[in-house]
Amino acid sequence: MVAVWDALRSSNPAFYSPFFSSEFTQAVNQVRDDCYVAIIEQSGVPIGFLPYHRSGRSLFPIGRTINDAHGLICAPDSTIDWRGVLTDLDATGYEYHALFSSTNDAQEHAFGWTKAFLCDLTASDLRYDHWLEQNRKTIFKQRRKTKKLVREEGPLRLEYASTDPAVLDRLIQLKREQYQRTRIFDIFSVEWIRNLLHLMLTRDGQLEGRLSALYAGDKLVAMHMGMQEGKLLHYWFPVYDQAFGYASPGTALFLEIVRQADANQIDKIDFGYGELPYKWTLNNVIDSVPHGAICVSPASWHTRRLRGGMLRTLKALPGKEWSKRVLRKVHPQFGRGSYH
């Protein structure tokens, strides 16, 4: 079944993201006890795989909200009866926030769209960091910041594939501090997410965790935990030490990864969905992906759409920083349900 899964995925360019790998589902299954795979067959032959979690009668992509790419793995010319699949699974809907598909599922079921970002390092005759310097003013200014960091702390050194759990623990600590500063839910307070990253750190296979650490002298100034599959690096959890914020060490880390891309057999860096400022600065390929739900009944779809719209409206209200501060004080675990 894994071989069929991998073959179907390889036949469909829409599923380039490592989140569609059977190995990602297997890794999540090692840290959670509620992982399922629906196998869709035609005349006894598997034609599709849907990895998911269940909450009541609602289904969610494997890995929940730390998964940046969702969909039913199938050949590009397949026609899958989503409602039939959901009915057979006794589910009312499949909720997604970044659907990648070669069929028309997205158009029919989307609530809205968000940007997804990719760096194609082979798209220009220039080396990608040189292309960025010519096309992004903030990157051109980064050279001066990095020189100051080197002058004050020492030369830069990138450890692209660290397997040191202490470095990963430091990354998790800094990410937790970042979430607290920005008053969003601390996803690393969820045990299985911490366990998954530590599992990926030492995992051996076609899909591997990739922990990169940037040092200035003997100071650890920035880190990134992602996944590499083939020549694609998925940029997942970047962070930097606030003590060195004057030098934008997160950007310096990314540029060092780009400069060593050939040595580490990378030709694409995938940022996934979500319109964060650094993604706008560093990408050269922008796509759009839908968020929404595929539901058995129109009533279920409209209920989910209304709920999602209300949340987006609340997030867009003036004074949201004050609201977030109050919400975190009154209900510090708000948002945790999305990760369970």
Protein backbone atom coordinates (compact mmCIF):
# COMPACT_ATOMS: atom_id res chain seq x y z
CA MET A 1 0.00 0.00 0.00
CA VAL A 2 2.87 2.38 0.77
CA ALA A 3 4.38 1.63 -2.64
CA VAL A 4 1.03 2.42 -4.34
CA TRP A 5 0.71 5.63 -2.28
CA ASP A 6 4.20 6.72 -3.30
CA ALA A 7 3.54 5.89 -6.96
CA LEU A 8 0.29 7.87 -7.05
CA ARG A 9 1.99 10.82 -5.41
CA SER A 10 4.91 10.70 -7.86
CA SER A 11 2.46 10.78 -10.77
CA ASN A 12 0.87 14.03 -9.60
CA PRO A 13 2.92 17.26 -9.49
CA ALA A 14 0.33 18.85 -7.16
CA PHE A 15 1.69 16.71 -4.32
CA TYR A 16 5.29 17.95 -4.30
CA SER A 17 5.12 18.98 -0.63
CA PRO A 18 6.69 16.54 1.88
CA PHE A 19 3.45 16.66 3.87
CA PHE A 20 2.02 14.31 1.23
CA SER A 21 4.76 11.77 1.85
CA SER A 22 3.68 8.44 3.33
CA GLU A 23 6.69 8.89 5.62
CA PHE A 24 5.22 12.07 7.13
CA THR A 25 2.03 10.22 8.00
CA GLN A 26 4.08 7.37 9.48
CA ALA A 27 6.07 9.86 11.58
CA VAL A 28 2.94 11.54 12.94
CA ASN A 29 1.54 8.10 13.70
CA GLN A 30 4.53 7.46 15.99
CA VAL A 31 3.64 10.42 18.22
CA ARG A 32 -0.17 10.32 18.08
CA ASP A 33 -2.61 7.48 18.56
CA ASP A 34 -5.41 8.80 16.32
CA CYS A 35 -3.95 8.62 12.82
CA TYR A 36 -6.07 7.04 10.09
CA VAL A 37 -5.76 6.50 6.34
CA ALA A 38 -8.82 6.10 4.13
CA ILE A 39 -8.02 3.91 1.11
CA ILE A 40 -10.22 4.59 -1.93
CA GLU A 41 -10.49 1.65 -4.32
CA GLN A 42 -11.91 1.16 -7.78
CA SER A 43 -12.60 -2.44 -8.82
CA GLY A 44 -10.41 -3.56 -5.92
CA VAL A 45 -7.46 -1.36 -6.98
CA PRO A 46 -6.34 1.53 -4.70
CA ILE A 47 -6.71 4.87 -6.49
CA GLY A 48 -6.47 7.28 -3.55
CA PHE A 49 -5.28 7.77 0.03
CA LEU A 50 -6.57 10.27 2.57
CA PRO A 51 -4.56 10.51 5.83
CA TYR A 52 -6.59 12.19 8.56
CA HIS A 53 -7.45 12.78 12.20
CA ARG A 54 -11.01 12.66 13.49
CA SER A 55 -12.81 14.86 16.00
CA GLY A 56 -16.38 13.65 16.35
CA ARG A 57 -17.67 13.52 12.78
CA SER A 58 -15.19 16.09 11.45
CA LEU A 59 -11.98 15.04 9.69
CA PHE A 60 -8.74 17.04 9.62
CA PRO A 61 -5.45 16.68 7.69
CA ILE A 62 -2.78 14.51 9.24
CA GLY A 63 -0.63 16.64 11.55
CA ARG A 64 -3.49 19.12 12.04
CA THR A 65 -2.44 22.78 11.76
CA ILE A 66 1.32 22.17 11.56
CA ASN A 67 0.64 20.49 8.21
CA ASP A 68 1.07 23.07 5.43
CA ALA A 69 -0.38 21.07 2.50
CA HIS A 70 -3.56 19.00 2.41
CA GLY A 71 -5.42 16.82 -0.01
CA LEU A 72 -6.37 13.34 -1.14
CA ILE A 73 -3.39 11.62 -2.78
CA CYS A 74 -4.42 10.37 -6.21
CA ALA A 75 -3.39 10.39 -9.87
CA PRO A 76 -3.90 13.71 -11.71
CA ASP A 77 -6.70 12.34 -13.91
CA SER A 78 -8.65 10.76 -11.01
CA THR A 79 -12.23 11.69 -10.18
CA ILE A 80 -12.87 11.05 -6.49
CA ASP A 81 -16.35 11.20 -4.98
CA TRP A 82 -15.46 13.17 -1.85
CA ARG A 83 -18.98 13.06 -0.43
CA GLY A 84 -19.09 9.31 -0.94
CA VAL A 85 -15.79 8.95 0.89
CA LEU A 86 -17.01 11.09 3.80
CA THR A 87 -20.29 9.17 3.98
CA ASP A 88 -18.42 5.86 4.11
CA LEU A 89 -16.28 7.27 6.93
CA ASP A 90 -19.39 8.46 8.83
CA ALA A 91 -18.04 12.02 8.66
CA THR A 92 -19.87 15.28 7.99
CA GLY A 93 -16.86 17.14 6.60
CA TYR A 94 -13.13 17.40 5.92
CA GLU A 95 -11.72 20.77 6.99
CA TYR A 96 -8.53 22.14 5.41
CA HIS A 97 -6.54 25.35 5.42
CA ALA A 98 -4.22 24.71 2.43
CA LEU A 99 -5.66 22.35 -0.17
CA PHE A 100 -3.34 21.25 -2.97
CA SER A 101 -5.18 19.42 -5.71
CA SER A 102 -5.10 18.88 -9.45
CA THR A 103 -8.90 18.49 -9.57
CA ASN A 104 -11.65 21.10 -9.16
CA ASP A 105 -12.19 20.29 -5.45
CA ALA A 106 -10.79 23.69 -4.45
CA GLN A 107 -13.13 25.84 -6.52
CA GLU A 108 -16.25 24.09 -5.26
CA HIS A 109 -15.52 23.95 -1.53
CA ALA A 110 -13.27 26.93 -0.72
CA PHE A 111 -14.17 29.61 1.82
CA GLY A 112 -11.30 31.77 0.59
CA TRP A 113 -7.71 31.76 -0.63
CA THR A 114 -4.29 32.52 0.79
CA LYS A 115 -0.83 32.82 -0.74
CA ALA A 116 1.76 30.03 -0.80
CA PHE A 117 5.43 30.80 -1.39
CA LEU A 118 8.30 28.92 -2.99
CA CYS A 119 11.94 29.71 -3.78
CA ASP A 120 13.06 28.13 -7.04
CA LEU A 121 16.84 28.39 -6.82
CA THR A 122 17.22 27.36 -10.47
CA ALA A 123 14.94 30.05 -11.94
CA SER A 124 17.71 32.56 -12.64
CA ASP A 125 21.18 32.46 -14.13
CA LEU A 126 22.28 34.33 -11.02
CA ARG A 127 22.91 32.52 -7.76
CA TYR A 128 19.71 32.99 -5.75
CA ASP A 129 21.24 35.12 -2.98
CA HIS A 130 22.65 37.47 -5.64
CA TRP A 131 19.23 37.63 -7.33
CA LEU A 132 17.65 38.56 -3.98
CA GLU A 133 20.21 41.32 -3.40
CA GLN A 134 19.38 42.81 -6.80
CA ASN A 135 15.61 42.53 -6.39
CA ARG A 136 14.93 43.03 -2.66
CA LYS A 137 16.15 46.21 -0.93
CA THR A 138 16.05 44.61 2.53
CA ILE A 139 18.36 41.80 1.34
CA PHE A 140 20.78 44.29 -0.16
CA LYS A 141 20.95 45.97 3.27
CA GLN A 142 21.48 42.61 5.00
CA ARG A 143 25.15 42.54 4.00
CA ARG A 144 25.84 45.54 6.24
CA LYS A 145 23.95 43.99 9.15
CA THR A 146 25.82 40.72 8.82
CA LYS A 147 29.18 42.52 8.76
CA LYS A 148 28.29 44.19 12.06
CA LEU A 149 27.34 40.81 13.57
CA VAL A 150 30.65 39.29 12.43
CA ARG A 151 32.57 42.29 13.74
CA GLU A 152 30.97 42.07 17.18
CA GLU A 153 30.65 38.29 17.65
CA GLY A 154 32.93 36.52 15.17
CA PRO A 155 32.70 34.79 11.79
CA LEU A 156 29.53 33.06 10.67
CA ARG A 157 29.32 29.27 10.61
CA LEU A 158 26.35 27.31 9.33
CA GLU A 159 25.72 23.80 10.54
CA TYR A 160 23.16 22.76 7.94
CA ALA A 161 22.22 19.33 9.30
CA SER A 162 22.64 19.35 13.06
CA THR A 163 21.45 16.31 15.01
CA ASP A 164 22.04 17.91 18.41
CA PRO A 165 18.84 17.67 20.51
CA ALA A 166 20.06 20.57 22.67
CA VAL A 167 20.01 22.84 19.60
CA LEU A 168 16.45 21.73 18.84
CA ASP A 169 15.45 22.35 22.45
CA ARG A 170 16.88 25.86 22.15
CA LEU A 171 14.86 26.43 18.97
CA ILE A 172 11.69 25.27 20.73
CA GLN A 173 12.42 27.54 23.70
CA LEU A 174 12.90 30.58 21.45
CA LYS A 175 9.75 29.78 19.44
CA ARG A 176 7.75 29.52 22.67
CA GLU A 177 9.06 32.93 23.75
CA GLN A 178 8.10 34.32 20.33
CA TYR A 179 4.54 32.99 20.63
CA GLN A 180 4.24 34.52 24.10
CA ARG A 181 5.51 37.90 22.86
CA THR A 182 3.08 37.92 19.95
CA ARG A 183 0.23 36.50 22.09
CA ILE A 184 -0.63 33.64 19.79
CA PHE A 185 -1.16 30.09 20.93
CA ASP A 186 2.09 28.36 21.93
CA ILE A 187 1.98 25.26 19.74
CA PHE A 188 5.03 23.82 21.48
CA SER A 189 3.05 23.54 24.67
CA VAL A 190 1.49 20.53 22.88
CA GLU A 191 3.59 17.46 23.66
CA TRP A 192 3.12 15.55 20.43
CA ILE A 193 4.43 18.46 18.37
CA ARG A 194 7.65 18.61 20.41
CA ASN A 195 7.94 14.84 20.13
CA LEU A 196 7.45 14.93 16.35
CA LEU A 197 10.29 17.41 15.84
CA HIS A 198 12.64 15.35 17.98
CA LEU A 199 11.59 12.24 16.05
CA MET A 200 12.24 13.96 12.71
CA LEU A 201 15.66 15.08 13.95
CA THR A 202 16.98 11.52 13.91
CA ARG A 203 14.67 10.00 11.30
CA ASP A 204 16.37 8.14 8.44
CA GLY A 205 14.49 7.82 5.15
CA GLN A 206 13.56 9.67 1.96
CA LEU A 207 12.01 12.32 4.21
CA GLU A 208 14.29 13.67 6.93
CA GLY A 209 14.13 16.43 9.47
CA ARG A 210 16.62 19.17 8.81
CA LEU A 211 17.86 21.27 11.74
CA SER A 212 20.11 24.16 10.69
CA ALA A 213 22.03 26.31 13.13
CA LEU A 214 23.84 29.59 12.45
CA TYR A 215 26.68 30.62 14.75
CA ALA A 216 28.46 33.98 14.96
CA GLY A 217 31.71 33.13 16.67
CA ASP A 218 30.62 30.75 19.41
CA LYS A 219 27.12 32.27 19.75
CA LEU A 220 24.09 30.42 18.40
CA VAL A 221 22.14 33.24 16.76
CA ALA A 222 19.49 31.61 14.54
CA MET A 223 18.00 28.19 13.83
CA HIS A 224 15.57 26.49 11.51
CA MET A 225 13.82 23.13 11.77
CA GLY A 226 12.38 21.86 8.53
CA MET A 227 12.13 18.78 6.34
CA GLN A 228 14.11 17.79 3.28
CA GLU A 229 12.90 15.34 0.68
CA GLY A 230 15.00 14.95 -2.41
CA LYS A 231 16.08 18.41 -3.52
CA LEU A 232 13.24 20.26 -1.78
CA LEU A 233 13.66 21.83 1.66
CA HIS A 234 10.42 22.71 3.43
CA TYR A 235 11.05 25.81 5.57
CA TRP A 236 8.99 25.09 8.66
CA PHE A 237 10.09 26.59 12.00
CA PRO A 238 12.68 29.42 11.76
CA VAL A 239 13.68 31.47 14.80
CA TYR A 240 16.48 33.75 15.99
CA ASP A 241 17.82 34.94 19.30
CA GLN A 242 16.32 38.38 20.09
CA ALA A 243 19.66 39.48 21.58
CA PHE A 244 21.01 39.65 18.01
CA GLY A 245 17.89 41.11 16.42
CA TYR A 246 19.82 44.19 15.23
CA ALA A 247 21.53 41.96 12.64
CA SER A 248 18.43 40.14 11.34
CA PRO A 249 20.12 36.76 11.91
CA GLY A 250 17.07 34.87 10.63
CA THR A 251 17.65 36.39 7.19
CA ALA A 252 21.39 35.71 7.50
CA LEU A 253 20.60 32.05 8.25
CA PHE A 254 18.39 31.74 5.17
CA LEU A 255 21.04 33.32 2.95
CA GLU A 256 23.71 30.95 4.28
CA ILE A 257 21.43 27.99 3.53
CA VAL A 258 20.98 29.32 -0.02
CA ARG A 259 24.74 29.78 -0.49
CA GLN A 260 25.32 26.16 0.50
CA ALA A 261 22.32 24.83 -1.45
CA ASP A 262 24.38 23.02 -4.10
CA ALA A 263 26.51 21.28 -1.50
CA ASN A 264 23.35 20.12 0.29
CA GLN A 265 21.50 19.17 -2.92
CA ILE A 266 18.72 21.75 -2.65
CA ASP A 267 17.12 23.37 -5.66
CA LYS A 268 13.82 24.50 -4.10
CA ILE A 269 12.86 25.93 -0.71
CA ASP A 270 9.16 25.72 0.09
CA PHE A 271 7.68 28.23 2.55
CA GLY A 272 4.18 26.78 2.36
CA TYR A 273 1.01 28.80 2.85
CA GLY A 274 0.61 31.92 5.02
CA GLU A 275 1.44 35.53 4.22
CA LEU A 276 4.24 36.27 6.69
CA PRO A 277 6.47 39.26 5.84
CA TYR A 278 9.69 37.26 5.45
CA LYS A 279 8.03 35.00 2.87
CA TRP A 280 7.11 37.99 0.69
CA THR A 281 10.74 39.13 0.84
CA LEU A 282 12.51 35.85 0.12
CA ASN A 283 10.33 34.08 -2.48
CA ASN A 284 10.34 34.14 -6.27
CA VAL A 285 7.24 31.97 -6.89
CA ILE A 286 3.79 32.82 -5.48
CA ASP A 287 0.72 30.64 -5.78
CA SER A 288 -2.71 30.67 -4.12
CA VAL A 289 -4.25 27.83 -2.13
CA PRO A 290 -7.78 27.56 -0.73
CA HIS A 291 -9.02 27.11 2.81
CA GLY A 292 -12.42 25.63 3.47
CA ALA A 293 -14.21 22.34 3.98
CA ILE A 294 -15.58 19.51 1.88
CA CYS A 295 -18.91 18.50 3.42
CA VAL A 296 -21.61 15.91 2.92
CA SER A 297 -24.43 18.47 3.15
CA PRO A 298 -24.71 22.14 2.14
CA ALA A 299 -25.92 22.98 5.68
CA SER A 300 -22.73 21.58 7.21
CA TRP A 301 -20.61 23.53 4.72
CA HIS A 302 -22.42 26.82 5.42
CA THR A 303 -22.12 26.31 9.19
CA ARG A 304 -18.37 25.80 8.92
CA ARG A 305 -18.02 28.75 6.54
CA LEU A 306 -19.95 31.04 8.90
CA ARG A 307 -17.83 29.96 11.88
CA GLY A 308 -14.61 30.53 9.95
CA GLY A 309 -15.79 33.91 8.70
CA MET A 310 -16.63 35.05 12.22
CA LEU A 311 -13.13 34.13 13.44
CA ARG A 312 -11.47 35.98 10.54
CA THR A 313 -13.65 39.04 11.21
CA LEU A 314 -12.67 39.05 14.88
CA LYS A 315 -8.99 38.83 13.95
CA ALA A 316 -9.36 41.84 11.64
CA LEU A 317 -11.07 44.12 14.17
CA PRO A 318 -9.26 47.28 15.36
CA GLY A 319 -7.53 46.87 18.69
CA LYS A 320 -6.83 43.20 18.11
CA GLU A 321 -3.51 43.40 20.00
CA TRP A 322 -5.36 44.54 23.11
CA SER A 323 -7.96 41.82 22.52
CA LYS A 324 -5.26 39.17 22.16
CA ARG A 325 -3.64 40.29 25.41
CA VAL A 326 -6.95 40.05 27.28
CA LEU A 327 -7.83 36.73 25.66
CA ARG A 328 -4.49 35.15 26.59
CA LYS A 329 -4.89 36.33 30.17
CA VAL A 330 -8.43 35.01 30.50
CA HIS A 331 -8.04 31.89 28.35
CA PRO A 332 -4.32 31.04 27.83
CA GLN A 333 -5.16 27.74 26.10
CA PHE A 334 -7.42 29.32 23.47
CA GLY A 335 -6.64 27.70 20.11
CA ARG A 336 -5.30 24.48 21.60
CA GLY A 337 -8.17 22.49 20.12
CA SER A 338 -6.79 23.01 16.61
CA TYR A 339 -3.74 20.94 17.53
CA HIS A 340 -5.53 17.96 19.08
